[in-house]
Amino acid sequence: MAQAAEKLRCNICDVTVDTAGAKEHSASRDHALKKQKLEGDLKEMRASGKYGHDSSVVVQWAASIQ
């Protein structure tokens, strides 16, 4: 009996990949460049001091349990 391939979504590239191709996708040049850009943007945002005032799910959750 054949099993259906599980699909994963890359949050960096916003594409769907199957589990067999996930490792290959994460090693691709396009993925690496997008990841590098996002990491640089995050580093700049943290350095600017604006990061602490975001509306991320984690920040909202932490505020809701206090």
Protein backbone atom coordinates (compact mmCIF):
# COMPACT_ATOMS: atom_id res chain seq x y z
CA MET A 1 0.00 0.00 0.00
CA ALA A 2 1.47 3.35 -1.02
CA GLN A 3 1.52 6.16 1.50
CA ALA A 4 0.79 9.75 0.57
CA ALA A 5 3.84 11.98 0.72
CA GLU A 6 3.68 14.47 3.57
CA LYS A 7 3.83 18.09 2.47
CA LEU A 8 5.77 20.75 4.34
CA ARG A 9 5.72 24.50 3.86
CA CYS A 10 8.94 26.49 3.86
CA ASN A 11 8.25 29.68 5.82
CA ILE A 12 11.25 31.38 4.27
CA CYS A 13 10.40 30.76 0.60
CA ASP A 14 6.62 30.33 1.01
CA VAL A 15 6.58 27.14 -1.04
CA THR A 16 5.29 23.65 -0.38
CA VAL A 17 7.76 20.78 -0.55
CA ASP A 18 7.39 17.08 0.16
CA THR A 19 9.38 15.49 2.96
CA ALA A 20 11.70 13.78 0.48
CA GLY A 21 12.65 17.13 -1.07
CA ALA A 22 12.85 19.19 2.13
CA LYS A 23 16.56 18.63 2.72
CA GLU A 24 17.36 19.44 -0.91
CA HIS A 25 15.21 22.58 -0.79
CA SER A 26 16.84 23.84 2.42
CA ALA A 27 20.26 23.40 0.79
CA SER A 28 19.30 25.30 -2.37
CA ARG A 29 20.94 28.62 -3.24
CA ASP A 30 17.61 30.45 -3.50
CA HIS A 31 16.57 29.32 -0.01
CA ALA A 32 19.97 30.26 1.45
CA LEU A 33 19.84 33.75 -0.08
CA LYS A 34 16.31 34.41 1.20
CA LYS A 35 17.26 33.12 4.65
CA GLN A 36 20.36 35.32 4.73
CA LYS A 37 18.31 38.39 3.79
CA LEU A 38 15.68 37.67 6.45
CA GLU A 39 18.34 37.13 9.10
CA GLY A 40 19.95 40.44 8.14
CA ASP A 41 16.59 42.23 8.29
CA LEU A 42 15.91 40.74 11.72
CA LYS A 43 19.34 41.76 12.98
CA GLU A 44 18.74 45.34 11.80
CA MET A 45 15.30 45.41 13.39
CA ARG A 46 16.64 44.18 16.72
CA ALA A 47 19.46 46.74 16.61
CA SER A 48 17.00 49.56 15.90
CA GLY A 49 15.02 48.80 19.04
CA LYS A 50 11.74 48.38 17.16
CA TYR A 51 11.70 44.62 17.64
CA GLY A 52 10.54 44.76 21.25
CA HIS A 53 7.27 46.39 20.26
CA ASP A 54 6.06 43.84 17.75
CA SER A 55 2.69 42.11 17.74
CA SER A 56 3.99 38.58 17.34
CA VAL A 57 1.95 35.66 18.58
CA VAL A 58 4.48 34.98 21.34
CA VAL A 59 4.31 38.57 22.62
CA GLN A 60 0.50 38.52 22.55
CA TRP A 61 0.41 35.15 24.30
CA ALA A 62 2.81 36.31 27.02
CA ALA A 63 0.68 39.40 27.63
CA SER A 64 -2.48 37.29 27.85
CA ILE A 65 -1.19 35.07 30.66
CA GLN A 66 -0.05 37.89 32.93
